[in-house]
Amino acid sequence: MDNSIAENPSPTRPKWRKVAYGGMQPGFDDNHTDESFLEGMVMNANVVKRDMLKVMQDSVSISQYLCIVALVGLVWTYTLRSTLDETSLLYLDLTLLGSGSTVRAPGALKNPNLTSFISLNASVVASVFIASRLPSRLHVFAIMLFSLQVFLFAPLVTYCIKKYSFHLHLCFSFSLMAVTLAFVYTLHQLLFVLLLGLLVFVTVVCPYWLIRMQEYKFEINGPWDEAKLCFDITD
């Protein structure tokens, strides 16, 4: 009897192993973890420390688009006030057409998304509303052509300038801001103050808030995170 007990000792409990898709391990619950579970915990592993100046430079692109929209609004306003006639608008259209047709951006805007289509359609609808208030067909043609050229070519032109030279991009953006503010000031001083405040808010205040909020970001990574693919499944 003693010999049989010695020959068949009680089976030892297997050691728990941390496996992703191994199923239930004998002797352990499905949600079992041991003292080594938190050894792989990492805090703030993917938090990017941002530079204030770099964020401000990146926000210039947003201010640039705001100025483009403001300039289009100025042209609409001056047209409705009969300050710009059909001939001036057509000359402006030809200038935009000539500058926009010479731009080539290899690899740019190959995958337009839904947002770009919505913004373009919204600009066309706004142009139609403005054109419905104009007195002649030539006015309507000129303002519609101008709006389409600006909203179609402006993203491509600004993209090419930024890809060609970042310093040129900054110079162009600040020049565009100065010109826009000057024209808005001649139109209405209150609008000038509002636009200036908006540009300062986008270019200075928002980057400052982003940098300050980074101090309160707390990210925890560990073995409980989902698996991440190390290759592109679309290829």
C-alpha atoms as a PDB file:
ATOM      1  CA  MET A   1       0.000   0.000   0.000  1.00  0.00           C
ATOM      2  CA  ASP A   2       2.780   2.367   0.919  1.00  0.00           C
ATOM      3  CA  ASN A   3       4.609   1.437  -2.242  1.00  0.00           C
ATOM      4  CA  SER A   4       1.586   2.330  -4.405  1.00  0.00           C
ATOM      5  CA  ILE A   5       1.314   5.742  -2.760  1.00  0.00           C
ATOM      6  CA  ALA A   6       4.987   6.381  -3.336  1.00  0.00           C
ATOM      7  CA  GLU A   7       4.709   5.348  -6.964  1.00  0.00           C
ATOM      8  CA  ASN A   8       1.647   7.607  -7.631  1.00  0.00           C
ATOM      9  CA  PRO A   9       2.267  10.888  -5.856  1.00  0.00           C
ATOM     10  CA  SER A  10      -0.430  13.601  -6.012  1.00  0.00           C
ATOM     11  CA  PRO A  11      -0.108  15.620  -9.207  1.00  0.00           C
ATOM     12  CA  THR A  12       1.432  19.056  -8.732  1.00  0.00           C
ATOM     13  CA  ARG A  13      -0.533  22.090  -9.851  1.00  0.00           C
ATOM     14  CA  PRO A  14       0.749  23.378 -13.226  1.00  0.00           C
ATOM     15  CA  LYS A  15       2.232  26.850 -13.317  1.00  0.00           C
ATOM     16  CA  TRP A  16       0.031  29.568 -14.759  1.00  0.00           C
ATOM     17  CA  ARG A  17       1.278  31.011 -18.029  1.00  0.00           C
ATOM     18  CA  LYS A  18       0.311  34.317 -19.596  1.00  0.00           C
ATOM     19  CA  VAL A  19      -0.909  33.425 -23.081  1.00  0.00           C
ATOM     20  CA  ALA A  20      -3.078  35.456 -25.418  1.00  0.00           C
ATOM     21  CA  TYR A  21      -5.236  32.788 -27.055  1.00  0.00           C
ATOM     22  CA  GLY A  22      -4.411  29.635 -25.135  1.00  0.00           C
ATOM     23  CA  GLY A  23      -7.879  29.058 -23.740  1.00  0.00           C
ATOM     24  CA  MET A  24      -8.539  28.067 -20.141  1.00  0.00           C
ATOM     25  CA  GLN A  25      -5.590  26.536 -18.319  1.00  0.00           C
ATOM     26  CA  PRO A  26      -6.299  23.519 -16.094  1.00  0.00           C
ATOM     27  CA  GLY A  27      -6.574  24.450 -12.461  1.00  0.00           C
ATOM     28  CA  PHE A  28      -7.082  28.186 -13.064  1.00  0.00           C
ATOM     29  CA  ASP A  29     -10.080  30.372 -13.747  1.00  0.00           C
ATOM     30  CA  ASP A  30     -10.418  32.079 -17.102  1.00  0.00           C
ATOM     31  CA  ASN A  31      -9.765  35.507 -15.542  1.00  0.00           C
ATOM     32  CA  HIS A  32      -6.928  34.373 -13.294  1.00  0.00           C
ATOM     33  CA  THR A  33      -3.832  36.549 -12.932  1.00  0.00           C
ATOM     34  CA  ASP A  34      -0.795  36.099 -10.739  1.00  0.00           C
ATOM     35  CA  GLU A  35       1.593  38.518  -9.095  1.00  0.00           C
ATOM     36  CA  SER A  36       3.538  38.976 -12.351  1.00  0.00           C
ATOM     37  CA  PHE A  37       0.533  40.434 -14.184  1.00  0.00           C
ATOM     38  CA  LEU A  38       1.411  44.079 -13.455  1.00  0.00           C
ATOM     39  CA  GLU A  39       5.108  43.693 -14.237  1.00  0.00           C
ATOM     40  CA  GLY A  40       4.435  44.673 -17.847  1.00  0.00           C
ATOM     41  CA  MET A  41       2.533  47.841 -16.950  1.00  0.00           C
ATOM     42  CA  VAL A  42       3.960  50.968 -18.583  1.00  0.00           C
ATOM     43  CA  MET A  43       2.749  54.489 -17.862  1.00  0.00           C
ATOM     44  CA  ASN A  44       2.727  57.271 -20.483  1.00  0.00           C
ATOM     45  CA  ALA A  45       4.586  55.183 -23.052  1.00  0.00           C
ATOM     46  CA  ASN A  46       2.923  56.835 -26.060  1.00  0.00           C
ATOM     47  CA  VAL A  47       2.491  60.368 -24.745  1.00  0.00           C
ATOM     48  CA  VAL A  48       4.104  62.821 -27.155  1.00  0.00           C
ATOM     49  CA  LYS A  49       5.728  65.878 -25.628  1.00  0.00           C
ATOM     50  CA  ARG A  50       4.830  68.787 -27.876  1.00  0.00           C
ATOM     51  CA  ASP A  51       6.758  71.981 -28.400  1.00  0.00           C
ATOM     52  CA  MET A  52       4.810  75.228 -28.117  1.00  0.00           C
ATOM     53  CA  LEU A  53       6.471  76.845 -31.127  1.00  0.00           C
ATOM     54  CA  LYS A  54       5.952  73.764 -33.294  1.00  0.00           C
ATOM     55  CA  VAL A  55       2.254  73.586 -32.419  1.00  0.00           C
ATOM     56  CA  MET A  56       1.847  77.296 -33.185  1.00  0.00           C
ATOM     57  CA  GLN A  57       3.507  76.818 -36.567  1.00  0.00           C
ATOM     58  CA  ASP A  58       1.176  73.931 -37.364  1.00  0.00           C
ATOM     59  CA  SER A  59      -1.862  75.993 -36.386  1.00  0.00           C
ATOM     60  CA  VAL A  60      -0.920  78.636 -38.960  1.00  0.00           C
ATOM     61  CA  SER A  61      -2.500  76.451 -41.653  1.00  0.00           C
ATOM     62  CA  ILE A  62      -5.884  76.760 -39.945  1.00  0.00           C
ATOM     63  CA  SER A  63      -5.546  80.542 -39.752  1.00  0.00           C
ATOM     64  CA  GLN A  64      -4.593  80.508 -43.417  1.00  0.00           C
ATOM     65  CA  TYR A  65      -7.853  78.820 -44.407  1.00  0.00           C
ATOM     66  CA  LEU A  66      -9.823  81.213 -42.222  1.00  0.00           C
ATOM     67  CA  CYS A  67      -8.262  84.122 -44.100  1.00  0.00           C
ATOM     68  CA  ILE A  68      -9.091  82.539 -47.463  1.00  0.00           C
ATOM     69  CA  VAL A  69     -12.731  82.190 -46.437  1.00  0.00           C
ATOM     70  CA  ALA A  70     -12.715  85.785 -45.195  1.00  0.00           C
ATOM     71  CA  LEU A  71     -11.301  87.013 -48.516  1.00  0.00           C
ATOM     72  CA  VAL A  72     -14.010  85.171 -50.429  1.00  0.00           C
ATOM     73  CA  GLY A  73     -16.591  86.782 -48.178  1.00  0.00           C
ATOM     74  CA  LEU A  74     -15.043  90.185 -48.890  1.00  0.00           C
ATOM     75  CA  VAL A  75     -15.292  89.627 -52.646  1.00  0.00           C
ATOM     76  CA  TRP A  76     -18.937  88.612 -52.248  1.00  0.00           C
ATOM     77  CA  THR A  77     -19.636  91.703 -50.154  1.00  0.00           C
ATOM     78  CA  TYR A  78     -17.944  94.107 -52.551  1.00  0.00           C
ATOM     79  CA  THR A  79     -19.759  92.476 -55.466  1.00  0.00           C
ATOM     80  CA  LEU A  80     -23.148  92.858 -53.804  1.00  0.00           C
ATOM     81  CA  ARG A  81     -22.306  96.491 -53.102  1.00  0.00           C
ATOM     82  CA  SER A  82     -21.423  96.926 -56.796  1.00  0.00           C
ATOM     83  CA  THR A  83     -17.875  97.893 -55.858  1.00  0.00           C
ATOM     84  CA  LEU A  84     -16.544  95.104 -58.093  1.00  0.00           C
ATOM     85  CA  ASP A  85     -17.979  94.978 -61.603  1.00  0.00           C
ATOM     86  CA  GLU A  86     -18.128  92.035 -63.993  1.00  0.00           C
ATOM     87  CA  THR A  87     -14.865  92.925 -65.723  1.00  0.00           C
ATOM     88  CA  SER A  88     -12.902  93.060 -62.467  1.00  0.00           C
ATOM     89  CA  LEU A  89     -14.310  89.705 -61.408  1.00  0.00           C
ATOM     90  CA  LEU A  90     -13.447  88.116 -64.748  1.00  0.00           C
ATOM     91  CA  TYR A  91      -9.875  89.424 -64.551  1.00  0.00           C
ATOM     92  CA  LEU A  92      -9.653  87.971 -61.054  1.00  0.00           C
ATOM     93  CA  ASP A  93     -11.004  84.650 -62.341  1.00  0.00           C
ATOM     94  CA  LEU A  94      -8.431  84.527 -65.131  1.00  0.00           C
ATOM     95  CA  THR A  95      -5.629  85.240 -62.660  1.00  0.00           C
ATOM     96  CA  LEU A  96      -6.761  82.456 -60.356  1.00  0.00           C
ATOM     97  CA  LEU A  97      -7.215  80.078 -63.266  1.00  0.00           C
ATOM     98  CA  GLY A  98      -3.717  80.777 -64.547  1.00  0.00           C
ATOM     99  CA  SER A  99      -2.076  80.358 -61.140  1.00  0.00           C
ATOM    100  CA  GLY A 100      -4.082  77.274 -60.216  1.00  0.00           C
ATOM    101  CA  SER A 101      -3.536  75.439 -63.490  1.00  0.00           C
ATOM    102  CA  THR A 102       0.253  75.666 -63.142  1.00  0.00           C
ATOM    103  CA  VAL A 103       0.292  73.859 -59.795  1.00  0.00           C
ATOM    104  CA  ARG A 104       1.198  70.189 -59.783  1.00  0.00           C
ATOM    105  CA  ALA A 105       1.383  68.225 -56.550  1.00  0.00           C
ATOM    106  CA  PRO A 106       2.523  64.633 -57.102  1.00  0.00           C
ATOM    107  CA  GLY A 107       0.847  62.354 -54.629  1.00  0.00           C
ATOM    108  CA  ALA A 108      -1.294  65.098 -53.129  1.00  0.00           C
ATOM    109  CA  LEU A 109      -4.968  64.700 -52.446  1.00  0.00           C
ATOM    110  CA  LYS A 110      -5.108  61.209 -53.955  1.00  0.00           C
ATOM    111  CA  ASN A 111      -7.719  60.040 -51.475  1.00  0.00           C
ATOM    112  CA  PRO A 112     -10.374  62.728 -51.000  1.00  0.00           C
ATOM    113  CA  ASN A 113     -12.605  61.976 -48.042  1.00  0.00           C
ATOM    114  CA  LEU A 114     -16.205  62.728 -47.224  1.00  0.00           C
ATOM    115  CA  THR A 115     -15.299  65.881 -45.311  1.00  0.00           C
ATOM    116  CA  SER A 116     -13.677  67.478 -48.365  1.00  0.00           C
ATOM    117  CA  PHE A 117     -16.773  66.802 -50.479  1.00  0.00           C
ATOM    118  CA  ILE A 118     -19.084  68.236 -47.824  1.00  0.00           C
ATOM    119  CA  SER A 119     -17.023  71.420 -47.471  1.00  0.00           C
ATOM    120  CA  LEU A 120     -16.871  71.890 -51.248  1.00  0.00           C
ATOM    121  CA  ASN A 121     -20.613  71.369 -51.615  1.00  0.00           C
ATOM    122  CA  ALA A 122     -21.282  73.805 -48.775  1.00  0.00           C
ATOM    123  CA  SER A 123     -19.141  76.458 -50.462  1.00  0.00           C
ATOM    124  CA  VAL A 124     -20.952  75.925 -53.771  1.00  0.00           C
ATOM    125  CA  VAL A 125     -24.340  76.275 -52.071  1.00  0.00           C
ATOM    126  CA  ALA A 126     -23.207  79.497 -50.382  1.00  0.00           C
ATOM    127  CA  SER A 127     -21.974  80.808 -53.741  1.00  0.00           C
ATOM    128  CA  VAL A 128     -25.329  80.026 -55.342  1.00  0.00           C
ATOM    129  CA  PHE A 129     -27.142  81.946 -52.612  1.00  0.00           C
ATOM    130  CA  ILE A 130     -24.890  84.952 -53.171  1.00  0.00           C
ATOM    131  CA  ALA A 131     -25.187  84.693 -56.961  1.00  0.00           C
ATOM    132  CA  SER A 132     -28.982  84.756 -56.716  1.00  0.00           C
ATOM    133  CA  ARG A 133     -28.741  88.341 -55.461  1.00  0.00           C
ATOM    134  CA  LEU A 134     -26.681  89.595 -58.397  1.00  0.00           C
ATOM    135  CA  PRO A 135     -28.228  91.734 -61.141  1.00  0.00           C
ATOM    136  CA  SER A 136     -26.851  90.124 -64.319  1.00  0.00           C
ATOM    137  CA  ARG A 137     -25.919  86.734 -65.729  1.00  0.00           C
ATOM    138  CA  LEU A 138     -22.332  87.826 -66.231  1.00  0.00           C
ATOM    139  CA  HIS A 139     -22.125  88.723 -62.550  1.00  0.00           C
ATOM    140  CA  VAL A 140     -23.459  85.276 -61.653  1.00  0.00           C
ATOM    141  CA  PHE A 141     -20.990  83.528 -63.949  1.00  0.00           C
ATOM    142  CA  ALA A 142     -18.044  85.542 -62.626  1.00  0.00           C
ATOM    143  CA  ILE A 143     -18.832  85.043 -58.933  1.00  0.00           C
ATOM    144  CA  MET A 144     -19.526  81.316 -59.342  1.00  0.00           C
ATOM    145  CA  LEU A 145     -16.310  80.817 -61.294  1.00  0.00           C
ATOM    146  CA  PHE A 146     -14.363  82.783 -58.693  1.00  0.00           C
ATOM    147  CA  SER A 147     -15.790  80.767 -55.791  1.00  0.00           C
ATOM    148  CA  LEU A 148     -15.151  77.421 -57.460  1.00  0.00           C
ATOM    149  CA  GLN A 149     -11.584  78.358 -58.339  1.00  0.00           C
ATOM    150  CA  VAL A 150     -10.795  79.514 -54.815  1.00  0.00           C
ATOM    151  CA  PHE A 151     -12.330  76.544 -53.025  1.00  0.00           C
ATOM    152  CA  LEU A 152     -10.847  74.051 -55.498  1.00  0.00           C
ATOM    153  CA  PHE A 153      -7.356  75.504 -55.953  1.00  0.00           C
ATOM    154  CA  ALA A 154      -6.670  77.020 -52.521  1.00  0.00           C
ATOM    155  CA  PRO A 155      -6.090  73.700 -50.671  1.00  0.00           C
ATOM    156  CA  LEU A 156      -3.841  72.450 -53.465  1.00  0.00           C
ATOM    157  CA  VAL A 157      -1.826  75.672 -53.718  1.00  0.00           C
ATOM    158  CA  THR A 158      -1.280  75.951 -49.969  1.00  0.00           C
ATOM    159  CA  TYR A 159      -0.308  72.276 -49.805  1.00  0.00           C
ATOM    160  CA  CYS A 160       2.284  72.704 -52.561  1.00  0.00           C
ATOM    161  CA  ILE A 161       3.743  75.806 -50.927  1.00  0.00           C
ATOM    162  CA  LYS A 162       4.109  73.984 -47.621  1.00  0.00           C
ATOM    163  CA  LYS A 163       5.717  70.957 -49.277  1.00  0.00           C
ATOM    164  CA  TYR A 164       8.116  73.126 -51.245  1.00  0.00           C
ATOM    165  CA  SER A 165       9.318  75.255 -48.325  1.00  0.00           C
ATOM    166  CA  PHE A 166       8.005  75.552 -44.798  1.00  0.00           C
ATOM    167  CA  HIS A 167       9.521  79.025 -44.420  1.00  0.00           C
ATOM    168  CA  LEU A 168       7.761  80.109 -47.603  1.00  0.00           C
ATOM    169  CA  HIS A 169       4.570  78.644 -46.168  1.00  0.00           C
ATOM    170  CA  LEU A 170       4.928  80.779 -43.031  1.00  0.00           C
ATOM    171  CA  CYS A 171       5.712  83.930 -45.027  1.00  0.00           C
ATOM    172  CA  PHE A 172       2.758  83.328 -47.323  1.00  0.00           C
ATOM    173  CA  SER A 173       0.435  82.655 -44.385  1.00  0.00           C
ATOM    174  CA  PHE A 174       1.381  85.777 -42.434  1.00  0.00           C
ATOM    175  CA  SER A 175       1.201  87.894 -45.593  1.00  0.00           C
ATOM    176  CA  LEU A 176      -2.250  86.490 -46.267  1.00  0.00           C
ATOM    177  CA  MET A 177      -3.302  87.320 -42.710  1.00  0.00           C
ATOM    178  CA  ALA A 178      -2.031  90.889 -43.039  1.00  0.00           C
ATOM    179  CA  VAL A 179      -3.790  91.458 -46.371  1.00  0.00           C
ATOM    180  CA  THR A 180      -7.031  89.958 -45.100  1.00  0.00           C
ATOM    181  CA  LEU A 181      -6.993  92.041 -41.927  1.00  0.00           C
ATOM    182  CA  ALA A 182      -6.282  95.187 -43.952  1.00  0.00           C
ATOM    183  CA  PHE A 183      -9.257  94.601 -46.264  1.00  0.00           C
ATOM    184  CA  VAL A 184     -11.539  93.679 -43.377  1.00  0.00           C
ATOM    185  CA  TYR A 185     -10.509  96.850 -41.540  1.00  0.00           C
ATOM    186  CA  THR A 186     -11.574  98.965 -44.513  1.00  0.00           C
ATOM    187  CA  LEU A 187     -14.925  97.177 -44.532  1.00  0.00           C
ATOM    188  CA  HIS A 188     -15.798  97.274 -40.824  1.00  0.00           C
ATOM    189  CA  GLN A 189     -13.698  97.808 -37.713  1.00  0.00           C
ATOM    190  CA  LEU A 190     -15.763  95.453 -35.560  1.00  0.00           C
ATOM    191  CA  LEU A 191     -15.256  92.638 -38.066  1.00  0.00           C
ATOM    192  CA  PHE A 192     -11.545  93.444 -38.003  1.00  0.00           C
ATOM    193  CA  VAL A 193     -11.444  93.012 -34.219  1.00  0.00           C
ATOM    194  CA  LEU A 194     -13.398  89.748 -34.402  1.00  0.00           C
ATOM    195  CA  LEU A 195     -11.173  88.291 -37.124  1.00  0.00           C
ATOM    196  CA  LEU A 196      -8.008  89.381 -35.332  1.00  0.00           C
ATOM    197  CA  GLY A 197      -9.244  87.811 -32.106  1.00  0.00           C
ATOM    198  CA  LEU A 198     -10.116  84.593 -33.948  1.00  0.00           C
ATOM    199  CA  LEU A 199      -6.656  84.372 -35.533  1.00  0.00           C
ATOM    200  CA  VAL A 200      -4.948  84.990 -32.194  1.00  0.00           C
ATOM    201  CA  PHE A 201      -7.181  82.391 -30.550  1.00  0.00           C
ATOM    202  CA  VAL A 202      -6.387  79.743 -33.177  1.00  0.00           C
ATOM    203  CA  THR A 203      -2.668  80.498 -33.491  1.00  0.00           C
ATOM    204  CA  VAL A 204      -1.734  81.238 -29.869  1.00  0.00           C
ATOM    205  CA  VAL A 205      -4.436  80.337 -27.345  1.00  0.00           C
ATOM    206  CA  CYS A 206      -5.350  76.888 -28.686  1.00  0.00           C
ATOM    207  CA  PRO A 207      -1.705  75.675 -28.875  1.00  0.00           C
ATOM    208  CA  TYR A 208      -1.162  76.959 -25.337  1.00  0.00           C
ATOM    209  CA  TRP A 209      -4.190  75.024 -24.102  1.00  0.00           C
ATOM    210  CA  LEU A 210      -2.970  71.886 -25.867  1.00  0.00           C
ATOM    211  CA  ILE A 211       0.448  72.117 -24.215  1.00  0.00           C
ATOM    212  CA  ARG A 212      -1.091  72.712 -20.794  1.00  0.00           C
ATOM    213  CA  MET A 213      -3.490  69.776 -21.141  1.00  0.00           C
ATOM    214  CA  GLN A 214      -0.574  67.448 -21.888  1.00  0.00           C
ATOM    215  CA  GLU A 215       0.476  67.785 -18.242  1.00  0.00           C
ATOM    216  CA  TYR A 216      -2.737  66.064 -17.127  1.00  0.00           C
ATOM    217  CA  LYS A 217      -2.620  63.228 -19.630  1.00  0.00           C
ATOM    218  CA  PHE A 218      -2.130  59.846 -17.965  1.00  0.00           C
ATOM    219  CA  GLU A 219      -1.935  56.711 -20.084  1.00  0.00           C
ATOM    220  CA  ILE A 220      -1.518  53.148 -18.839  1.00  0.00           C
ATOM    221  CA  ASN A 221      -0.406  50.306 -21.099  1.00  0.00           C
ATOM    222  CA  GLY A 222      -0.057  46.689 -20.096  1.00  0.00           C
ATOM    223  CA  PRO A 223      -0.819  43.067 -20.926  1.00  0.00           C
ATOM    224  CA  TRP A 224      -4.555  43.799 -20.898  1.00  0.00           C
ATOM    225  CA  ASP A 225      -4.318  45.962 -24.044  1.00  0.00           C
ATOM    226  CA  GLU A 226      -5.548  44.625 -27.337  1.00  0.00           C
ATOM    227  CA  ALA A 227      -3.035  43.265 -29.806  1.00  0.00           C
ATOM    228  CA  LYS A 228      -1.683  45.707 -32.391  1.00  0.00           C
ATOM    229  CA  LEU A 229      -0.823  44.694 -35.927  1.00  0.00           C
ATOM    230  CA  CYS A 230       2.744  45.331 -37.019  1.00  0.00           C
ATOM    231  CA  PHE A 231       1.854  45.294 -40.723  1.00  0.00           C
ATOM    232  CA  ASP A 232      -0.644  46.963 -43.042  1.00  0.00           C
ATOM    233  CA  ILE A 233      -3.562  44.649 -43.802  1.00  0.00           C
ATOM    234  CA  THR A 234      -4.618  46.782 -46.787  1.00  0.00           C
ATOM    235  CA  ASP A 235      -1.573  45.773 -48.857  1.00  0.00           C
END
